[in-house]
Amino acid sequence: MNTVSKPNWGQSLVLGIQHVLAMYSGGVLVPLLIGAALHFSAQQMAFLISADIFMTGIGTLLQLKQMRFTGIAMPVVLGSAIQSVTPLINIGSTLGFGAMYGATIAAGIFVFLIAGLFARLRAFFPPVVTGSLITIIGFALIPVGIQNLGGGDLTAKNFGSATNLLVGFVTIIIIMAITLLAKGFLKSISILLGIILGTLFAASLGGVSLAAVGQADWLHLPTPFFLAKPTFHSSAIITMIIVAITSMIESTGVYFALADLTGRDLSQNDLARGYRSEGLAVILSGLFNTFPYSTFSQNVGVVRLSGMKSRRPIYFAVIILLLIGLIPKFGALVTVIPSSVLGAAMLVLFGTIGVQGITILKKVDLNQERNLLIVALSIGSGIGVTVYPQIFQQMPTAVKLVITNAVVITSIVAVLLNALLPKTKPSNDKIAGLAENN
C-alpha cells in the first residue's frame, strides 16, 4: 500500500489537491441543501459556499498542529456534517436564520467543554467495536457514491443514463489500473488522476461546462454574521447539541481508523484535543454563518490508498481550501467535475474504508459467539438504518436525530453489547491455532 512515505513539497501539493477533491462534493453539499431548502438568494448561496470552504480550511488547520488543548495531529480533514441538514432546515424555517447560528455556536461550546469527559469513553472502543464502526463508516456511505455515479439527482431525467454510467465505470477502471499498475508517486495519486482523466473523458462526450467559472467572482472575503446575527432558543440549542454528539461519535471512528493506518496509539488526551478542535470549528462556523463541521471519513480512504501517513499534504489541502474560499473562481472550477466521476471515486474510497474495518475485525476472535454477535448486530443495524431510516419514523424528533444515523446506531449497539455481554475465554479453535504456531 505504501508508496512514498515522505512526500516532497511538490508531491505534497498534488496529494493535497487529491484530498480536496475527495472531500469537496460532500463539503459543499450541506450548504447547497440547506440554502435551497431555505430559499437563499444567489448572492447568499455564493457567500455560503465560499465561506464554508474557507472555514473548512481553518477547522482542518486546528486539528493538524498539536497544542496544549487542541489538535489531534493526524491527517484529518474537516467538512460540513451531513447530519445537521434536516435539523438546521427545521430551525431556520421556524425560528429564523439567526436561531440556526445561535444553536450552532452553543453546540460548539458544548463540544469544547465536554471533550475531556467524552474522551474518557475510549475504554468502550476495543477492536470489536472500532472495527464494526469503521466498517459501517465506509459501507453506509456506498449508497451516496452510487447515487452520484448515476448522476447525483434522483429526480433528473438523465439519472442512471448510459452516459453517466459509462463515465463512472471508466473512472473506476482508471483508478483501478493506476492503483494496480503504477508505482511510486503515481500510484499514490490514483484517485486524483482518476478524477482528472474521468472528467476529460466526460468532456469528450459533452458532459462538462465551464460557464460557472466565467460567472464566478475573483475575490470574496468571509464576513462574520453576513446572513444573520445569532439568536438563542433552548429547543434549537438542544437539537444541535444532539447533532454535535452524533458528530463526535462519528469522528471517534475516523480518529481510530486514522490511528490504525498511521500506527498511532491514541491516548485520552489525544481524543480530547481532537474533540476540542472540532468544537472550536463549530463555533467559528456559527460566527461566520456556515454550518457545523465534523471529521470527513472519505479522506481516510485517500490516506489508505495513497499510503501517506504524513500531515504535510493536509497542510497543502488547507492552503487550497483557503484559496478556494477566497477566490470563488477556483471553487467554480472544481464544480465542473461531473457527479458520475465523483461518485466513482467515492465508491472506491468508501469501499476501501469498509475493508479497513474488516481488516481490524480480522484481529478479533470471531469464534467467540459474543464477538460474533456484537459485529453482526451492530453492522446489521447500521446497514439497516441506512437502507430504511423510516423504521424510526414514529419516534420523537430528538430521538430520530440520533438513531437514524448509521454510524451512531452502530456505535450504540456495539458499545452496549460489548459492555453487557459476558466476556468468555478464547475459543478452543483459537487456542489450538496458537499452539500450532508455537
Protein backbone atom coordinates (compact mmCIF):
# COMPACT_ATOMS: atom_id res chain seq x y z
CA MET A 1 0.00 0.00 0.00
CA ASN A 2 2.69 2.49 0.99
CA THR A 3 4.41 4.14 -1.94
CA VAL A 4 6.04 7.43 -0.97
CA SER A 5 6.29 7.61 2.83
CA LYS A 6 7.83 11.11 2.95
CA PRO A 7 6.47 13.22 0.08
CA ASN A 8 8.44 16.26 -1.00
CA TRP A 9 6.81 19.68 -1.29
CA GLY A 10 5.66 19.20 -4.89
CA GLN A 11 4.25 15.77 -4.18
CA SER A 12 2.54 17.08 -1.06
CA LEU A 13 0.83 19.79 -3.12
CA VAL A 14 -0.57 17.21 -5.54
CA LEU A 15 -1.64 14.96 -2.67
CA GLY A 16 -3.31 17.95 -1.04
CA ILE A 17 -5.31 18.56 -4.22
CA GLN A 18 -6.37 14.90 -4.11
CA HIS A 19 -7.64 15.32 -0.55
CA VAL A 20 -9.59 18.46 -1.50
CA LEU A 21 -11.25 16.78 -4.47
CA ALA A 22 -12.17 13.79 -2.31
CA MET A 23 -14.00 15.96 0.21
CA TYR A 24 -15.23 18.85 -1.94
CA SER A 25 -18.52 17.36 -3.09
CA GLY A 26 -19.51 16.43 0.46
CA GLY A 27 -18.16 19.73 1.72
CA VAL A 28 -20.46 21.87 -0.43
CA LEU A 29 -23.43 19.51 -0.27
CA VAL A 30 -24.62 20.74 3.14
CA PRO A 31 -24.74 24.48 2.27
CA LEU A 32 -26.36 23.63 -1.07
CA LEU A 33 -29.11 21.55 0.54
CA ILE A 34 -29.81 24.00 3.36
CA GLY A 35 -29.59 27.05 1.12
CA ALA A 36 -32.01 25.55 -1.40
CA ALA A 37 -34.48 24.48 1.29
CA LEU A 38 -34.46 27.94 2.94
CA HIS A 39 -34.60 29.76 -0.42
CA PHE A 40 -31.34 31.64 -0.14
CA SER A 41 -30.67 34.12 -2.94
CA ALA A 42 -27.91 33.53 -5.50
CA GLN A 43 -25.74 36.07 -3.67
CA GLN A 44 -26.33 34.35 -0.34
CA MET A 45 -25.54 30.93 -1.83
CA ALA A 46 -22.29 32.22 -3.34
CA PHE A 47 -21.24 33.60 0.04
CA LEU A 48 -22.33 30.45 1.82
CA ILE A 49 -20.24 28.10 -0.29
CA SER A 50 -17.14 30.34 -0.28
CA ALA A 51 -17.31 30.92 3.46
CA ASP A 52 -17.98 27.23 4.11
CA ILE A 53 -14.91 26.09 2.17
CA PHE A 54 -12.73 28.77 3.78
CA MET A 55 -13.82 27.80 7.30
CA THR A 56 -13.31 24.12 6.44
CA GLY A 57 -9.66 25.00 5.88
CA ILE A 58 -9.49 26.82 9.22
CA GLY A 59 -11.15 23.91 11.03
CA THR A 60 -8.76 21.40 9.46
CA LEU A 61 -5.79 23.55 10.45
CA LEU A 62 -6.94 23.47 14.07
CA GLN A 63 -6.63 19.67 14.00
CA LEU A 64 -3.21 19.41 12.38
CA LYS A 65 -1.00 21.12 14.95
CA GLN A 66 -0.98 19.62 18.43
CA MET A 67 -1.31 22.36 21.04
CA ARG A 68 -1.92 22.12 24.77
CA PHE A 69 -5.70 21.87 24.45
CA THR A 70 -6.36 21.34 20.73
CA GLY A 71 -5.15 19.38 17.70
CA ILE A 72 -5.16 15.60 17.28
CA ALA A 73 -2.12 15.90 14.95
CA MET A 74 -3.18 13.33 12.37
CA PRO A 75 -4.03 13.68 8.65
CA VAL A 76 -7.58 14.81 9.46
CA VAL A 77 -9.82 16.82 7.12
CA LEU A 78 -12.99 18.55 8.36
CA GLY A 79 -16.15 19.24 6.41
CA SER A 80 -19.82 20.14 6.89
CA ALA A 81 -21.69 17.50 8.90
CA ILE A 82 -24.45 15.97 6.76
CA GLN A 83 -26.47 15.05 9.87
CA SER A 84 -27.03 18.75 10.52
CA VAL A 85 -29.05 19.33 7.33
CA THR A 86 -32.57 18.39 8.46
CA PRO A 87 -32.32 19.94 11.95
CA LEU A 88 -30.97 23.24 10.60
CA ILE A 89 -33.65 23.42 7.91
CA ASN A 90 -36.29 22.90 10.59
CA ILE A 91 -34.74 25.53 12.88
CA GLY A 92 -34.20 28.05 10.09
CA SER A 93 -37.72 27.70 8.69
CA THR A 94 -39.44 28.03 12.10
CA LEU A 95 -37.20 30.22 14.27
CA GLY A 96 -35.22 32.11 11.65
CA PHE A 97 -31.67 32.08 10.30
CA GLY A 98 -30.27 33.62 13.46
CA ALA A 99 -31.52 30.68 15.51
CA MET A 100 -29.54 28.27 13.31
CA TYR A 101 -26.31 30.06 14.05
CA GLY A 102 -27.03 30.67 17.73
CA ALA A 103 -27.71 26.95 18.21
CA THR A 104 -24.57 26.07 16.25
CA ILE A 105 -22.38 28.33 18.40
CA ALA A 106 -23.91 26.87 21.58
CA ALA A 107 -23.33 23.31 20.32
CA GLY A 108 -19.69 24.13 19.57
CA ILE A 109 -19.20 25.47 23.09
CA PHE A 110 -20.82 22.29 24.45
CA VAL A 111 -18.43 20.09 22.44
CA PHE A 112 -15.41 22.07 23.63
CA LEU A 113 -16.46 21.82 27.28
CA ILE A 114 -17.27 18.08 27.35
CA ALA A 115 -14.29 17.00 25.21
CA GLY A 116 -12.30 15.71 28.18
CA LEU A 117 -15.28 13.80 29.60
CA PHE A 118 -16.19 12.29 26.22
CA ALA A 119 -12.59 11.18 25.68
CA ARG A 120 -12.85 9.00 28.80
CA LEU A 121 -15.16 6.73 26.83
CA ARG A 122 -12.09 5.43 24.98
CA ALA A 123 -12.19 2.22 27.04
CA PHE A 124 -15.57 1.44 25.46
CA PHE A 125 -13.97 1.19 22.00
CA PRO A 126 -11.94 -2.06 21.80
CA PRO A 127 -11.17 -3.54 18.32
CA VAL A 128 -14.51 -5.40 18.13
CA VAL A 129 -16.26 -2.02 18.45
CA THR A 130 -13.90 0.14 16.37
CA GLY A 131 -13.72 -2.48 13.63
CA SER A 132 -17.50 -2.57 13.38
CA LEU A 133 -17.69 1.21 13.49
CA ILE A 134 -15.09 1.78 10.77
CA THR A 135 -16.70 -0.89 8.59
CA ILE A 136 -20.05 0.88 8.72
CA ILE A 137 -18.48 4.32 8.19
CA GLY A 138 -17.35 3.04 4.81
CA PHE A 139 -20.18 0.79 3.72
CA ALA A 140 -23.01 3.07 4.90
CA LEU A 141 -21.71 5.75 2.53
CA ILE A 142 -21.66 3.44 -0.50
CA PRO A 143 -25.24 4.49 -1.49
CA VAL A 144 -24.05 8.12 -1.65
CA GLY A 145 -21.32 7.10 -4.08
CA ILE A 146 -23.77 5.05 -6.16
CA GLN A 147 -26.22 7.95 -6.30
CA ASN A 148 -23.51 10.28 -7.53
CA LEU A 149 -22.31 7.70 -10.03
CA GLY A 150 -25.80 7.69 -11.51
CA GLY A 151 -25.77 11.47 -11.87
CA GLY A 152 -26.48 12.75 -8.37
CA ASP A 153 -30.08 13.94 -8.71
CA LEU A 154 -32.53 11.04 -8.37
CA THR A 155 -35.32 13.12 -9.94
CA ALA A 156 -33.34 14.12 -13.02
CA LYS A 157 -34.35 12.57 -16.35
CA ASN A 158 -30.78 11.53 -17.09
CA PHE A 159 -30.21 9.81 -13.73
CA GLY A 160 -28.73 6.39 -14.39
CA SER A 161 -28.26 7.18 -18.08
CA ALA A 162 -25.84 5.16 -20.17
CA THR A 163 -23.55 8.20 -20.38
CA ASN A 164 -23.39 8.69 -16.62
CA LEU A 165 -22.76 5.00 -16.01
CA LEU A 166 -20.12 4.85 -18.74
CA VAL A 167 -18.27 7.86 -17.33
CA GLY A 168 -18.43 6.38 -13.83
CA PHE A 169 -17.22 2.95 -14.86
CA VAL A 170 -14.38 4.40 -16.96
CA THR A 171 -13.30 6.45 -13.94
CA ILE A 172 -13.30 3.33 -11.74
CA ILE A 173 -11.27 1.42 -14.33
CA ILE A 174 -8.73 4.26 -14.50
CA ILE A 175 -8.36 4.33 -10.70
CA MET A 176 -8.01 0.54 -10.58
CA ALA A 177 -5.46 0.46 -13.38
CA ILE A 178 -3.29 3.14 -11.79
CA THR A 179 -3.54 1.53 -8.34
CA LEU A 180 -2.57 -1.90 -9.69
CA LEU A 181 -0.02 -1.00 -12.35
CA ALA A 182 1.60 2.29 -11.36
CA LYS A 183 4.45 2.64 -8.90
CA GLY A 184 5.76 5.31 -6.57
CA PHE A 185 4.11 8.69 -6.54
CA LEU A 186 1.76 8.00 -9.46
CA LYS A 187 0.22 5.14 -7.53
CA SER A 188 -0.38 7.34 -4.51
CA ILE A 189 -2.44 9.84 -6.56
CA SER A 190 -4.64 7.27 -8.30
CA ILE A 191 -7.83 8.97 -7.08
CA LEU A 192 -6.73 12.39 -8.33
CA LEU A 193 -5.69 11.02 -11.72
CA GLY A 194 -8.93 9.08 -11.96
CA ILE A 195 -10.97 12.24 -11.31
CA ILE A 196 -8.96 14.31 -13.82
CA LEU A 197 -8.99 11.69 -16.58
CA GLY A 198 -12.62 10.81 -15.88
CA THR A 199 -13.57 14.47 -16.23
CA LEU A 200 -11.66 14.74 -19.52
CA PHE A 201 -13.49 11.64 -20.77
CA ALA A 202 -16.81 13.19 -19.76
CA ALA A 203 -15.80 16.41 -21.53
CA SER A 204 -15.16 14.45 -24.73
CA LEU A 205 -18.79 13.32 -24.50
CA GLY A 206 -20.04 16.88 -23.98
CA GLY A 207 -20.71 16.43 -20.28
CA VAL A 208 -18.63 19.32 -18.90
CA SER A 209 -19.43 23.05 -18.94
CA LEU A 210 -17.09 25.86 -17.86
CA ALA A 211 -19.84 28.50 -17.72
CA ALA A 212 -19.82 28.57 -13.91
CA VAL A 213 -16.13 29.50 -13.90
CA GLY A 214 -16.71 32.53 -16.10
CA GLN A 215 -19.58 33.76 -13.93
CA ALA A 216 -17.78 33.39 -10.59
CA ASP A 217 -16.16 36.33 -8.78
CA TRP A 218 -12.41 36.68 -8.30
CA LEU A 219 -12.45 37.59 -4.62
CA HIS A 220 -14.80 37.01 -1.69
CA LEU A 221 -13.88 37.66 1.94
CA PRO A 222 -15.71 35.69 4.68
CA THR A 223 -17.61 38.09 6.93
CA PRO A 224 -18.99 37.35 10.41
CA PHE A 225 -22.79 37.46 10.70
CA PHE A 226 -23.21 38.05 6.94
CA LEU A 227 -26.58 36.30 6.79
CA ALA A 228 -27.85 36.78 10.34
CA LYS A 229 -26.80 37.60 13.87
CA PRO A 230 -27.18 34.66 16.25
CA THR A 231 -30.24 34.29 18.41
CA PHE A 232 -30.55 31.66 21.11
CA HIS A 233 -33.52 29.34 21.61
CA SER A 234 -33.43 26.41 24.02
CA SER A 235 -35.19 23.96 21.69
CA ALA A 236 -32.81 24.75 18.83
CA ILE A 237 -29.76 24.51 21.10
CA ILE A 238 -30.80 21.11 22.47
CA THR A 239 -31.37 19.85 18.93
CA MET A 240 -27.94 20.96 17.73
CA ILE A 241 -26.24 19.54 20.84
CA ILE A 242 -27.72 16.15 19.92
CA VAL A 243 -26.38 16.57 16.38
CA ALA A 244 -22.98 17.53 17.82
CA ILE A 245 -22.87 14.35 19.91
CA THR A 246 -23.58 12.22 16.83
CA SER A 247 -20.74 14.01 15.04
CA MET A 248 -18.39 13.31 17.95
CA ILE A 249 -19.24 9.61 17.82
CA GLU A 250 -18.63 9.54 14.07
CA SER A 251 -15.36 11.44 14.47
CA THR A 252 -14.25 8.91 17.09
CA GLY A 253 -14.49 6.17 14.48
CA VAL A 254 -12.50 8.25 11.99
CA TYR A 255 -9.82 9.00 14.59
CA PHE A 256 -9.37 5.31 15.32
CA ALA A 257 -9.33 4.50 11.60
CA LEU A 258 -6.53 7.01 11.01
CA ALA A 259 -4.70 5.81 14.11
CA ASP A 260 -4.79 2.26 12.74
CA LEU A 261 -3.42 3.46 9.39
CA THR A 262 -0.67 5.61 10.86
CA GLY A 263 0.34 3.23 13.65
CA ARG A 264 -0.65 5.72 16.33
CA ASP A 265 -1.84 4.68 19.79
CA LEU A 266 -4.42 7.34 20.64
CA SER A 267 -4.47 8.49 24.23
CA GLN A 268 -7.37 10.02 26.11
CA ASN A 269 -5.69 13.43 25.79
CA ASP A 270 -5.31 12.98 22.03
CA LEU A 271 -9.03 12.36 21.67
CA ALA A 272 -9.87 15.32 23.90
CA ARG A 273 -7.72 17.64 21.79
CA GLY A 274 -9.42 16.36 18.65
CA TYR A 275 -12.90 16.98 20.07
CA ARG A 276 -11.94 20.47 21.26
CA SER A 277 -10.68 21.37 17.81
CA GLU A 278 -13.99 20.28 16.33
CA GLY A 279 -15.80 22.31 18.97
CA LEU A 280 -13.84 25.42 18.01
CA ALA A 281 -14.53 24.76 14.32
CA VAL A 282 -18.26 24.51 15.04
CA ILE A 283 -18.18 27.79 17.00
CA LEU A 284 -16.43 29.51 14.08
CA SER A 285 -18.98 28.05 11.64
CA GLY A 286 -21.74 29.75 13.62
CA LEU A 287 -19.90 33.06 13.80
CA PHE A 288 -19.24 33.10 10.05
CA ASN A 289 -22.73 31.84 9.19
CA THR A 290 -21.70 28.48 7.76
CA PHE A 291 -22.65 25.07 9.18
CA PRO A 292 -21.28 22.59 11.77
CA TYR A 293 -18.16 20.62 10.90
CA SER A 294 -17.03 17.09 11.64
CA THR A 295 -14.17 14.86 10.55
CA PHE A 296 -14.60 13.61 6.98
CA SER A 297 -14.36 9.85 6.52
CA GLN A 298 -13.69 9.88 2.76
CA ASN A 299 -10.24 11.29 3.40
CA VAL A 300 -9.41 8.18 5.42
CA GLY A 301 -9.79 6.27 2.15
CA VAL A 302 -7.37 8.69 0.48
CA VAL A 303 -4.79 8.09 3.22
CA ARG A 304 -5.18 4.33 2.90
CA LEU A 305 -4.92 4.24 -0.90
CA SER A 306 -2.04 6.70 -1.12
CA GLY A 307 -0.14 5.18 1.80
CA MET A 308 0.72 8.68 3.03
CA LYS A 309 0.92 8.99 6.80
CA SER A 310 2.39 12.49 6.74
CA ARG A 311 0.37 15.57 7.65
CA ARG A 312 2.24 17.68 5.08
CA PRO A 313 -0.27 17.02 2.25
CA ILE A 314 -3.10 18.11 4.57
CA TYR A 315 -1.35 21.43 5.20
CA PHE A 316 -1.36 21.95 1.43
CA ALA A 317 -5.01 20.92 1.35
CA VAL A 318 -5.69 23.65 3.93
CA ILE A 319 -3.98 26.25 1.73
CA ILE A 320 -6.04 25.12 -1.26
CA LEU A 321 -9.28 25.26 0.74
CA LEU A 322 -8.47 28.77 1.94
CA LEU A 323 -7.74 29.91 -1.63
CA ILE A 324 -10.95 28.35 -2.93
CA GLY A 325 -12.83 30.13 -0.17
CA LEU A 326 -11.26 33.47 -1.02
CA ILE A 327 -11.30 33.08 -4.82
CA PRO A 328 -14.69 31.72 -5.95
CA LYS A 329 -13.37 31.03 -9.46
CA PHE A 330 -11.24 28.24 -8.01
CA GLY A 331 -14.28 26.78 -6.32
CA ALA A 332 -16.29 27.03 -9.53
CA LEU A 333 -13.55 25.17 -11.39
CA VAL A 334 -13.94 22.20 -9.04
CA THR A 335 -17.71 22.17 -9.56
CA VAL A 336 -17.32 21.30 -13.26
CA ILE A 337 -16.33 17.74 -12.27
CA PRO A 338 -19.33 15.54 -13.19
CA SER A 339 -21.22 13.81 -10.38
CA SER A 340 -20.63 10.44 -12.03
CA VAL A 341 -16.86 10.95 -11.81
CA LEU A 342 -17.05 11.93 -8.14
CA GLY A 343 -19.39 9.02 -7.46
CA ALA A 344 -16.90 6.58 -8.96
CA ALA A 345 -14.14 7.95 -6.74
CA MET A 346 -16.45 7.82 -3.71
CA LEU A 347 -17.29 4.19 -4.41
CA VAL A 348 -13.59 3.28 -4.32
CA LEU A 349 -12.86 5.42 -1.25
CA PHE A 350 -15.83 4.31 0.83
CA GLY A 351 -15.34 0.68 -0.07
CA THR A 352 -11.71 0.99 0.98
CA ILE A 353 -12.71 2.37 4.38
CA GLY A 354 -15.12 -0.53 4.88
CA VAL A 355 -12.37 -3.01 4.05
CA GLN A 356 -10.12 -1.31 6.60
CA GLY A 357 -12.77 -2.02 9.23
CA ILE A 358 -12.85 -5.66 8.16
CA THR A 359 -9.05 -5.76 8.48
CA ILE A 360 -9.37 -4.65 12.11
CA LEU A 361 -12.08 -7.25 12.71
CA LYS A 362 -9.70 -9.96 11.45
CA LYS A 363 -7.75 -9.39 14.66
CA VAL A 364 -10.85 -10.17 16.72
CA ASP A 365 -11.67 -13.74 17.73
CA LEU A 366 -14.97 -14.17 15.89
CA ASN A 367 -15.16 -17.79 17.00
CA GLN A 368 -16.43 -16.34 20.26
CA GLU A 369 -20.19 -16.05 19.96
CA ARG A 370 -20.02 -12.83 21.98
CA ASN A 371 -17.81 -11.04 19.46
CA LEU A 372 -19.71 -12.51 16.53
CA LEU A 373 -22.99 -11.13 17.89
CA ILE A 374 -21.50 -7.69 18.50
CA VAL A 375 -20.20 -7.44 14.94
CA ALA A 376 -23.30 -8.96 13.33
CA LEU A 377 -25.87 -6.88 15.18
CA SER A 378 -24.01 -3.56 15.14
CA ILE A 379 -23.10 -3.66 11.43
CA GLY A 380 -26.50 -5.12 10.57
CA SER A 381 -28.23 -2.29 12.44
CA GLY A 382 -26.13 0.34 10.68
CA ILE A 383 -26.81 -1.05 7.22
CA GLY A 384 -30.49 -1.50 8.03
CA VAL A 385 -30.90 2.12 9.13
CA THR A 386 -29.04 3.27 6.03
CA VAL A 387 -31.48 1.46 3.76
CA TYR A 388 -34.67 2.06 5.77
CA PRO A 389 -34.36 5.08 8.09
CA GLN A 390 -38.19 5.17 8.05
CA ILE A 391 -38.19 2.36 10.61
CA PHE A 392 -37.91 5.04 13.31
CA GLN A 393 -40.39 7.50 11.79
CA GLN A 394 -42.78 7.10 14.74
CA MET A 395 -40.12 8.12 17.24
CA PRO A 396 -39.80 11.66 18.69
CA THR A 397 -37.75 14.04 16.55
CA ALA A 398 -34.93 14.29 19.09
CA VAL A 399 -34.59 10.50 19.14
CA LYS A 400 -34.73 10.22 15.35
CA LEU A 401 -31.87 12.71 15.04
CA VAL A 402 -29.66 10.25 16.86
CA ILE A 403 -30.70 6.76 15.84
CA THR A 404 -31.26 7.31 12.11
CA ASN A 405 -27.52 7.95 11.72
CA ALA A 406 -25.91 4.65 10.71
CA VAL A 407 -22.61 5.39 12.44
CA VAL A 408 -24.33 6.39 15.66
CA ILE A 409 -26.67 3.39 15.79
CA THR A 410 -23.73 1.06 15.08
CA SER A 411 -21.74 2.70 17.89
CA ILE A 412 -24.62 2.46 20.35
CA VAL A 413 -25.30 -1.21 19.60
CA ALA A 414 -21.62 -2.20 19.58
CA VAL A 415 -20.72 -0.32 22.78
CA LEU A 416 -23.78 -1.57 24.68
CA LEU A 417 -23.32 -5.20 23.62
CA ASN A 418 -19.61 -5.05 24.41
CA ALA A 419 -20.42 -3.73 27.89
CA LEU A 420 -23.33 -6.08 28.60
CA LEU A 421 -22.37 -9.42 27.06
CA PRO A 422 -20.18 -11.51 29.36
CA LYS A 423 -16.59 -11.96 28.24
CA THR A 424 -15.59 -15.52 27.50
CA LYS A 425 -12.28 -17.36 27.27
CA PRO A 426 -10.64 -17.78 23.84
CA SER A 427 -12.31 -20.50 21.80
CA ASN A 428 -10.78 -23.95 21.55
CA ASP A 429 -10.05 -23.37 17.86
CA LYS A 430 -8.17 -20.18 18.71
CA ILE A 431 -6.13 -21.95 21.43
CA ALA A 432 -5.36 -24.81 19.07
CA GLY A 433 -4.22 -22.40 16.42
CA LEU A 434 -1.90 -20.62 18.85
CA ALA A 435 -0.47 -23.96 19.96
CA GLU A 436 0.25 -24.98 16.37
CA ASN A 437 2.03 -21.67 15.72
CA ASN A 438 4.24 -22.23 18.75
